[in-house]
Amino acid sequence: MAVEGNSRPAWAEIDLDALRSNARHMTGRLNGAALCAVVKADGYGHGAVPAALALLEGGAHGFAVAIVDEGIELRQAHITAPILLLSEPPVDAMVASLAAGLTPTITTLEGVERVSAAAKQIGGKHQIHIKIDTGMHRTGTDQEGLVSMIEALAPHDQLVIEGLYTHLAVADEAGEESEAFTRLQIERFDDAVALATRLGVTPAVLHIANSAGALAVPAARRAMVRSGLALYGEVPSREVSAHAATESPLALTPALTIKAAVSAVRHLDAGDRPSYGRRRPLERAGRVATVPIGYADGFPRRLFDAGHEVLIGGRRFPLAGSVTMDQIVVDVGDAPVSVGDEVVLLGAQGDERISATEWADHLGTIVYEVLCGIGPRMPRRYIGSPLVVPTVRRRWWRPRP
């Protein structure tokens, strides 16, 4: 297990009230659809358990995770809401999945065999969801496979096909081609649902939309929506933001701020070249501040090449040299910066803000990677109203059989 850096002044600050507010905002946009909060990858870097509890208070009906271990972590925190596994568990994890009350996704006949055997071993009834591949071509079954899976599941009354779903590939992109492909995916999904109905299977939980689909594609909002990024206060793309705003104003608040404190300040002459590689000379004499955070913490080296800045005293200052594993140096010129001053690397300070989108633009990547890249040795500090562990079992919109 990675060690958190509690002994140094660098941390990720998560606003629990922002998470609650974002969940309320999303539920208000969904026209009655249930909100499945995606908390995989340690809650997109925010801390899975605290994020889940805050989102539950904000109106989330249940959760989605990528792997069995993530679901078990939530169960060990006394979270009883439904938890959907977004992939088919391997053979050695299927029993653990059902034993923890997780809802596995099934995509293959082999998966049907594994979940059937696990259900017999554990006893009781268990819900499953079947994923349909409508064009993402990553996981999921086609219509022919769906028929075979439904037929294979028919003798197993311990298993209930609670849900059918698919995943949109380009809902976060604008343009005629992308929008046409999203419509095609929705049509293919509806065809699969109609096929299941003809075979006597009518799952109550149909879901298509991710955050982009929920915000920008109203036709993708079915009984449930799987939202991840938006719940953390970020939007998948500028195109999604613009489209969503035509329906109603967006009111999402980024929940994550990355902070540190200046650990050293020194005077350098014009032409001096700080940090590894001596890659850039200072244009003028002045001071550089050392900040104890580096690429091992999720502050990538590429940010220096991109001309990235940080905030100190509500002002932007550029990096003065290469990002190292544990530290950065910042060109603060003649500004009155002292050891111990707060540095904001992601988030707001005064009237300035450095957004995750700004990071993503500088890195040539997406906001998801920025958030998930915050290293495990960065301690998470939580602000806002205290969390409440639920004492009542939360369910979907209908009781389990």
Protein backbone atom coordinates (compact mmCIF):
# COMPACT_ATOMS: atom_id res chain seq x y z
CA MET A 1 0.00 0.00 0.00
CA ALA A 2 1.34 3.43 -0.94
CA VAL A 3 2.37 5.71 1.91
CA GLU A 4 0.65 9.09 2.16
CA GLY A 5 2.90 12.11 2.46
CA ASN A 6 1.40 13.50 5.65
CA SER A 7 4.78 14.78 6.82
CA ARG A 8 5.18 17.28 3.99
CA PRO A 9 3.03 20.29 3.05
CA ALA A 10 1.31 19.02 -0.09
CA TRP A 11 -2.23 17.65 -0.22
CA ALA A 12 -5.43 17.23 -2.20
CA GLU A 13 -8.43 19.02 -0.70
CA ILE A 14 -11.88 17.62 -1.47
CA ASP A 15 -15.02 19.64 -0.88
CA LEU A 16 -17.75 17.25 0.28
CA ASP A 17 -20.41 19.93 -0.04
CA ALA A 18 -19.48 20.37 -3.70
CA LEU A 19 -19.99 16.64 -4.25
CA ARG A 20 -23.39 16.78 -2.56
CA SER A 21 -24.38 19.80 -4.65
CA ASN A 22 -23.25 18.19 -7.89
CA ALA A 23 -25.31 15.08 -7.15
CA ARG A 24 -28.38 17.19 -6.47
CA HIS A 25 -27.82 19.15 -9.67
CA MET A 26 -27.50 15.99 -11.76
CA THR A 27 -30.58 14.33 -10.27
CA GLY A 28 -32.49 17.50 -11.11
CA ARG A 29 -31.53 17.16 -14.78
CA LEU A 30 -32.43 13.50 -15.21
CA ASN A 31 -36.22 13.68 -15.53
CA GLY A 32 -36.74 11.09 -12.82
CA ALA A 33 -33.98 8.69 -13.83
CA ALA A 34 -32.00 7.07 -11.03
CA LEU A 35 -28.47 8.36 -10.51
CA CYS A 36 -25.75 5.72 -10.48
CA ALA A 37 -22.61 7.45 -9.21
CA VAL A 38 -19.40 6.08 -10.70
CA VAL A 39 -16.75 5.93 -7.98
CA LYS A 40 -14.16 3.70 -9.64
CA ALA A 41 -10.45 4.60 -9.58
CA ASP A 42 -10.72 5.76 -5.96
CA GLY A 43 -13.60 8.05 -6.79
CA TYR A 44 -11.67 9.60 -9.71
CA GLY A 45 -8.92 10.47 -7.24
CA HIS A 46 -11.26 12.02 -4.66
CA GLY A 47 -11.36 9.03 -2.31
CA ALA A 48 -13.98 6.39 -3.08
CA VAL A 49 -15.61 6.01 0.33
CA PRO A 50 -15.91 9.71 1.30
CA ALA A 51 -17.06 10.56 -2.24
CA ALA A 52 -19.66 7.77 -2.21
CA LEU A 53 -21.07 8.85 1.15
CA ALA A 54 -21.32 12.49 0.06
CA LEU A 55 -22.92 11.58 -3.28
CA LEU A 56 -25.39 9.32 -1.50
CA GLU A 57 -26.43 12.28 0.67
CA GLY A 58 -26.79 14.35 -2.51
CA GLY A 59 -29.25 11.92 -4.05
CA ALA A 60 -27.30 9.10 -5.71
CA HIS A 61 -29.27 5.86 -5.73
CA GLY A 62 -26.29 3.54 -6.02
CA PHE A 63 -22.77 3.19 -7.38
CA ALA A 64 -20.69 1.73 -10.16
CA VAL A 65 -17.13 0.45 -9.86
CA ALA A 66 -14.69 -1.20 -12.23
CA ILE A 67 -13.39 -4.11 -10.15
CA VAL A 68 -14.61 -6.32 -7.34
CA ASP A 69 -12.08 -4.93 -4.85
CA GLU A 70 -13.54 -1.42 -5.30
CA GLY A 71 -17.02 -2.70 -4.52
CA ILE A 72 -15.84 -4.59 -1.44
CA GLU A 73 -14.15 -1.42 -0.18
CA LEU A 74 -17.54 0.33 -0.22
CA ARG A 75 -19.22 -2.60 1.54
CA GLN A 76 -16.54 -2.59 4.24
CA ALA A 77 -17.43 1.07 4.83
CA HIS A 78 -21.02 -0.03 5.62
CA ILE A 79 -22.40 1.31 2.35
CA THR A 80 -25.44 -0.85 1.55
CA ALA A 81 -26.65 0.85 -1.63
CA PRO A 82 -26.56 -1.17 -4.87
CA ILE A 83 -23.13 -1.42 -6.48
CA LEU A 84 -22.80 -2.29 -10.16
CA LEU A 85 -19.61 -3.88 -11.47
CA LEU A 86 -18.92 -2.37 -14.86
CA SER A 87 -17.05 -5.43 -16.11
CA GLU A 88 -17.48 -9.18 -15.95
CA PRO A 89 -15.61 -10.52 -12.91
CA PRO A 90 -12.97 -13.18 -13.55
CA VAL A 91 -13.69 -16.70 -12.37
CA ASP A 92 -11.83 -16.33 -9.07
CA ALA A 93 -13.70 -13.14 -8.17
CA MET A 94 -17.28 -14.08 -9.07
CA VAL A 95 -18.07 -15.70 -5.73
CA ALA A 96 -16.60 -12.75 -3.84
CA SER A 97 -18.68 -10.42 -6.00
CA LEU A 98 -21.98 -12.08 -5.17
CA ALA A 99 -21.02 -12.63 -1.53
CA ALA A 100 -20.50 -8.88 -1.17
CA GLY A 101 -23.89 -8.14 -2.71
CA LEU A 102 -22.40 -6.61 -5.83
CA THR A 103 -24.26 -6.67 -9.14
CA PRO A 104 -21.98 -8.08 -11.84
CA THR A 105 -22.07 -7.18 -15.50
CA ILE A 106 -22.24 -10.27 -17.70
CA THR A 107 -21.08 -10.12 -21.32
CA THR A 108 -20.31 -13.73 -22.33
CA LEU A 109 -21.69 -17.26 -22.10
CA GLU A 110 -18.68 -18.12 -19.97
CA GLY A 111 -19.74 -15.36 -17.63
CA VAL A 112 -23.21 -16.90 -17.42
CA GLU A 113 -21.65 -20.20 -16.39
CA ARG A 114 -19.47 -18.53 -13.76
CA VAL A 115 -22.23 -16.45 -12.22
CA SER A 116 -24.61 -19.43 -12.22
CA ALA A 117 -22.08 -21.58 -10.37
CA ALA A 118 -21.35 -18.80 -7.89
CA ALA A 119 -25.06 -18.24 -7.21
CA LYS A 120 -25.56 -21.94 -6.50
CA GLN A 121 -22.61 -21.90 -4.11
CA ILE A 122 -23.85 -18.87 -2.17
CA GLY A 123 -27.60 -19.37 -2.38
CA GLY A 124 -30.33 -16.74 -2.61
CA LYS A 125 -31.28 -14.54 -5.54
CA HIS A 126 -28.79 -12.29 -7.30
CA GLN A 127 -29.23 -9.48 -9.81
CA ILE A 128 -27.09 -9.20 -12.92
CA HIS A 129 -26.84 -6.66 -15.74
CA ILE A 130 -26.04 -7.57 -19.34
CA LYS A 131 -23.98 -5.15 -21.39
CA ILE A 132 -24.74 -4.71 -25.08
CA ASP A 133 -21.98 -3.73 -27.51
CA THR A 134 -23.53 -1.09 -29.73
CA GLY A 135 -20.32 0.20 -31.27
CA MET A 136 -17.78 0.88 -28.52
CA HIS A 137 -16.24 -2.54 -29.29
CA ARG A 138 -14.59 -2.90 -25.91
CA THR A 139 -16.85 -5.25 -23.94
CA GLY A 140 -20.42 -6.39 -24.35
CA THR A 141 -22.42 -8.86 -26.39
CA ASP A 142 -24.10 -8.52 -29.77
CA GLN A 143 -27.72 -9.45 -30.42
CA GLU A 144 -26.91 -13.06 -31.29
CA GLY A 145 -24.94 -13.37 -28.08
CA LEU A 146 -27.78 -11.79 -26.13
CA VAL A 147 -30.18 -14.50 -27.33
CA SER A 148 -27.73 -17.22 -26.29
CA MET A 149 -27.19 -15.62 -22.88
CA ILE A 150 -30.90 -15.23 -22.16
CA GLU A 151 -31.50 -18.85 -23.13
CA ALA A 152 -28.59 -19.99 -20.94
CA LEU A 153 -29.90 -17.99 -17.98
CA ALA A 154 -33.48 -19.25 -18.25
CA PRO A 155 -32.99 -22.39 -16.07
CA HIS A 156 -31.29 -20.43 -13.30
CA ASP A 157 -34.04 -18.90 -11.18
CA GLN A 158 -31.48 -17.66 -8.69
CA LEU A 159 -30.38 -15.05 -11.23
CA VAL A 160 -32.48 -12.03 -12.17
CA ILE A 161 -31.65 -9.98 -15.26
CA GLU A 162 -32.19 -6.65 -13.56
CA GLY A 163 -30.56 -4.46 -16.19
CA LEU A 164 -29.49 -4.05 -19.80
CA TYR A 165 -27.07 -1.33 -20.77
CA THR A 166 -24.58 -0.01 -23.25
CA HIS A 167 -21.85 2.63 -23.30
CA LEU A 168 -21.62 5.64 -25.60
CA ALA A 169 -18.34 6.10 -27.46
CA VAL A 170 -18.53 9.71 -28.67
CA ALA A 171 -21.24 11.43 -26.65
CA ASP A 172 -18.65 14.00 -25.56
CA GLU A 173 -17.88 15.05 -29.13
CA ALA A 174 -19.66 17.50 -31.40
CA GLY A 175 -20.09 17.20 -35.13
CA GLU A 176 -22.51 15.46 -37.44
CA GLU A 177 -20.58 12.18 -37.60
CA SER A 178 -20.28 11.79 -33.82
CA GLU A 179 -23.90 12.78 -33.20
CA ALA A 180 -25.07 10.33 -35.87
CA PHE A 181 -23.04 7.53 -34.29
CA THR A 182 -24.52 8.26 -30.87
CA ARG A 183 -28.02 8.05 -32.38
CA LEU A 184 -27.05 4.76 -34.02
CA GLN A 185 -25.85 3.35 -30.69
CA ILE A 186 -29.15 4.29 -29.06
CA GLU A 187 -31.10 2.65 -31.91
CA ARG A 188 -29.02 -0.53 -31.62
CA PHE A 189 -29.64 -0.62 -27.89
CA ASP A 190 -33.38 -0.19 -28.37
CA ASP A 191 -33.31 -3.06 -30.87
CA ALA A 192 -31.58 -5.24 -28.28
CA VAL A 193 -34.16 -4.32 -25.64
CA ALA A 194 -36.97 -5.18 -28.06
CA LEU A 195 -35.31 -8.53 -28.78
CA ALA A 196 -35.05 -9.29 -25.06
CA THR A 197 -38.72 -8.40 -24.63
CA ARG A 198 -39.70 -10.85 -27.38
CA LEU A 199 -37.78 -13.50 -25.44
CA GLY A 200 -39.76 -12.70 -22.31
CA VAL A 201 -37.10 -10.63 -20.53
CA THR A 202 -38.07 -7.09 -19.47
CA PRO A 203 -35.36 -5.64 -17.23
CA ALA A 204 -36.48 -2.64 -15.20
CA VAL A 205 -33.06 -1.00 -15.20
CA LEU A 206 -32.15 0.21 -18.68
CA HIS A 207 -29.18 2.57 -18.90
CA ILE A 208 -27.16 4.17 -21.66
CA ALA A 209 -25.91 7.57 -20.57
CA ASN A 210 -22.57 8.43 -18.99
CA SER A 211 -21.94 12.02 -17.83
CA ALA A 212 -21.69 13.27 -21.43
CA GLY A 213 -24.84 11.45 -22.45
CA ALA A 214 -26.72 12.61 -19.38
CA LEU A 215 -25.82 16.24 -20.01
CA ALA A 216 -25.93 16.45 -23.80
CA VAL A 217 -28.10 13.59 -25.11
CA PRO A 218 -31.56 13.62 -23.53
CA ALA A 219 -32.59 10.56 -25.57
CA ALA A 220 -29.94 8.55 -23.68
CA ARG A 221 -31.56 9.13 -20.29
CA ARG A 222 -33.39 5.94 -19.48
CA ALA A 223 -34.33 4.42 -16.12
CA MET A 224 -30.83 5.03 -14.83
CA VAL A 225 -27.86 7.23 -15.69
CA ARG A 226 -24.24 6.37 -14.88
CA SER A 227 -22.50 9.62 -14.03
CA GLY A 228 -18.91 9.97 -12.98
CA LEU A 229 -17.01 13.06 -14.06
CA ALA A 230 -19.91 15.50 -13.69
CA LEU A 231 -20.39 14.49 -10.06
CA TYR A 232 -16.87 15.65 -9.33
CA GLY A 233 -17.69 19.03 -10.84
CA GLU A 234 -16.04 18.60 -14.23
CA VAL A 235 -17.52 18.38 -17.74
CA PRO A 236 -16.21 15.87 -20.31
CA SER A 237 -15.68 18.51 -23.00
CA ARG A 238 -16.46 22.06 -23.97
CA GLU A 239 -18.95 20.71 -26.50
CA VAL A 240 -20.88 18.93 -23.76
CA SER A 241 -20.85 22.06 -21.61
CA ALA A 242 -22.23 24.19 -24.45
CA HIS A 243 -24.92 21.67 -25.34
CA ALA A 244 -25.99 21.14 -21.74
CA ALA A 245 -26.32 24.88 -21.16
CA THR A 246 -28.94 25.11 -23.92
CA GLU A 247 -31.24 22.93 -21.79
CA SER A 248 -30.60 24.62 -18.44
CA PRO A 249 -27.67 26.40 -16.81
CA LEU A 250 -24.92 24.13 -15.56
CA ALA A 251 -24.24 24.44 -11.84
CA LEU A 252 -21.39 22.04 -11.19
CA THR A 253 -18.63 22.84 -8.72
CA PRO A 254 -15.17 21.25 -8.97
CA ALA A 255 -14.61 19.35 -5.75
CA LEU A 256 -10.85 18.90 -5.94
CA THR A 257 -8.12 21.43 -5.12
CA ILE A 258 -4.43 20.55 -5.03
CA LYS A 259 -2.41 22.59 -2.57
CA ALA A 260 1.09 22.78 -1.19
CA ALA A 261 3.24 25.22 0.75
CA VAL A 262 6.46 26.90 -0.34
CA SER A 263 9.37 25.02 1.22
CA ALA A 264 12.27 27.28 0.15
CA VAL A 265 12.94 30.61 -1.57
CA ARG A 266 16.28 31.62 -3.07
CA HIS A 267 17.68 34.44 -5.21
CA LEU A 268 19.14 33.58 -8.63
CA ASP A 269 20.88 35.65 -11.24
CA ALA A 270 19.70 36.23 -14.79
CA GLY A 271 20.77 33.29 -16.92
CA ASP A 272 20.73 30.75 -14.08
CA ARG A 273 19.06 27.47 -15.07
CA PRO A 274 17.13 25.77 -12.25
CA SER A 275 16.31 22.04 -11.96
CA TYR A 276 17.29 18.93 -13.91
CA GLY A 277 18.60 19.45 -17.41
CA ARG A 278 19.11 23.21 -16.86
CA ARG A 279 16.52 23.57 -19.56
CA ARG A 280 15.59 27.23 -19.36
CA PRO A 281 17.60 30.28 -18.27
CA LEU A 282 15.96 32.90 -16.09
CA GLU A 283 15.32 36.02 -18.16
CA ARG A 284 16.06 38.30 -15.23
CA ALA A 285 17.48 38.15 -11.76
CA GLY A 286 14.91 37.24 -9.16
CA ARG A 287 13.71 34.56 -6.82
CA VAL A 288 12.53 31.01 -7.30
CA ALA A 289 10.32 29.14 -4.86
CA THR A 290 10.59 25.40 -4.26
CA VAL A 291 7.32 23.53 -3.77
CA PRO A 292 7.29 19.91 -2.46
CA ILE A 293 5.22 18.20 -5.13
CA GLY A 294 6.32 16.40 -8.27
CA TYR A 295 5.48 13.91 -10.96
CA ALA A 296 5.27 11.07 -8.42
CA ASP A 297 2.28 12.94 -6.99
CA GLY A 298 0.50 13.45 -10.32
CA PHE A 299 2.05 16.76 -11.40
CA PRO A 300 3.45 15.64 -14.78
CA ARG A 301 6.80 16.72 -16.22
CA ARG A 302 5.10 17.81 -19.45
CA LEU A 303 3.53 20.77 -17.65
CA PHE A 304 6.86 22.59 -17.70
CA ASP A 305 7.17 22.29 -21.49
CA ALA A 306 3.60 23.56 -21.84
CA GLY A 307 4.33 26.77 -19.91
CA HIS A 308 2.15 25.80 -16.97
CA GLU A 309 1.63 28.11 -13.99
CA VAL A 310 0.69 27.83 -10.31
CA LEU A 311 -1.05 30.24 -7.96
CA ILE A 312 0.61 31.96 -5.00
CA GLY A 313 -1.09 34.87 -3.27
CA GLY A 314 -3.82 34.88 -5.93
CA ARG A 315 -1.28 35.46 -8.73
CA ARG A 316 -0.06 33.18 -11.52
CA PHE A 317 3.62 32.26 -11.62
CA PRO A 318 5.35 30.05 -14.22
CA LEU A 319 7.46 26.99 -13.55
CA ALA A 320 11.16 27.85 -13.60
CA GLY A 321 12.51 24.41 -14.46
CA SER A 322 11.75 20.75 -15.06
CA VAL A 323 9.26 19.04 -12.78
CA THR A 324 11.12 16.49 -10.66
CA MET A 325 9.82 13.43 -8.85
CA ASP A 326 9.18 15.26 -5.57
CA GLN A 327 9.56 19.00 -6.17
CA ILE A 328 9.00 21.88 -8.56
CA VAL A 329 10.61 25.30 -8.77
CA VAL A 330 8.54 28.38 -9.54
CA ASP A 331 9.73 31.70 -10.93
CA VAL A 332 8.24 34.26 -8.52
CA GLY A 333 10.38 37.23 -9.67
CA ASP A 334 10.31 39.98 -7.08
CA ALA A 335 6.94 39.01 -5.58
CA PRO A 336 6.82 38.87 -1.75
CA VAL A 337 6.70 35.07 -1.52
CA SER A 338 7.87 33.39 1.69
CA VAL A 339 8.37 29.88 3.02
CA GLY A 340 5.02 28.50 4.15
CA ASP A 341 2.92 30.46 1.65
CA GLU A 342 0.06 28.46 0.17
CA VAL A 343 0.45 27.27 -3.42
CA VAL A 344 -2.56 26.17 -5.46
CA LEU A 345 -1.69 23.88 -8.33
CA LEU A 346 -5.26 22.96 -9.24
CA GLY A 347 -8.24 25.00 -8.12
CA ALA A 348 -8.99 28.56 -7.08
CA GLN A 349 -7.05 31.13 -5.08
CA GLY A 350 -8.30 34.70 -4.87
CA ASP A 351 -9.80 35.68 -8.21
CA GLU A 352 -7.70 33.21 -10.18
CA ARG A 353 -8.45 29.56 -11.01
CA ILE A 354 -6.40 26.82 -12.61
CA SER A 355 -8.86 24.23 -13.89
CA ALA A 356 -8.48 20.56 -14.65
CA THR A 357 -9.34 21.47 -18.24
CA GLU A 358 -6.32 23.80 -18.31
CA TRP A 359 -4.13 20.94 -17.12
CA ALA A 360 -5.64 18.63 -19.74
CA ASP A 361 -5.07 21.16 -22.53
CA HIS A 362 -1.43 21.57 -21.52
CA LEU A 363 -0.93 17.82 -21.33
CA GLY A 364 -2.79 16.95 -24.50
CA THR A 365 -5.11 14.64 -22.61
CA ILE A 366 -8.55 14.55 -20.99
CA VAL A 367 -9.79 15.73 -17.60
CA TYR A 368 -10.38 12.13 -16.49
CA GLU A 369 -6.66 11.37 -16.68
CA VAL A 370 -5.78 14.52 -14.75
CA LEU A 371 -8.03 13.63 -11.82
CA CYS A 372 -7.14 9.94 -11.74
CA GLY A 373 -3.44 10.77 -11.95
CA ILE A 374 -3.20 12.39 -8.52
CA GLY A 375 -0.80 10.08 -6.73
CA PRO A 376 -1.71 7.90 -3.75
CA ARG A 377 0.95 9.48 -1.52
CA MET A 378 -0.95 12.79 -1.71
CA PRO A 379 -3.09 12.87 1.45
CA ARG A 380 -6.74 13.72 0.91
CA ARG A 381 -8.17 16.34 3.25
CA TYR A 382 -11.93 16.74 3.37
CA ILE A 383 -13.80 19.96 3.96
CA GLY A 384 -17.51 20.68 4.23
CA SER A 385 -20.26 19.19 6.37
CA PRO A 386 -19.36 15.93 8.15
CA LEU A 387 -20.23 12.70 6.38
CA VAL A 388 -23.13 10.55 7.53
CA VAL A 389 -22.94 6.77 7.19
CA PRO A 390 -26.41 5.55 6.11
CA THR A 391 -28.30 3.35 8.55
CA VAL A 392 -31.12 2.42 6.16
CA ARG A 393 -30.55 0.09 3.22
CA ARG A 394 -30.82 2.01 -0.04
CA ARG A 395 -32.38 0.30 -3.04
CA TRP A 396 -33.04 1.05 -6.67
CA TRP A 397 -36.50 2.37 -7.44
CA ARG A 398 -37.99 -1.06 -6.87
CA PRO A 399 -37.44 -3.71 -4.17
CA ARG A 400 -35.12 -6.57 -4.91
CA PRO A 401 -36.93 -9.88 -5.48
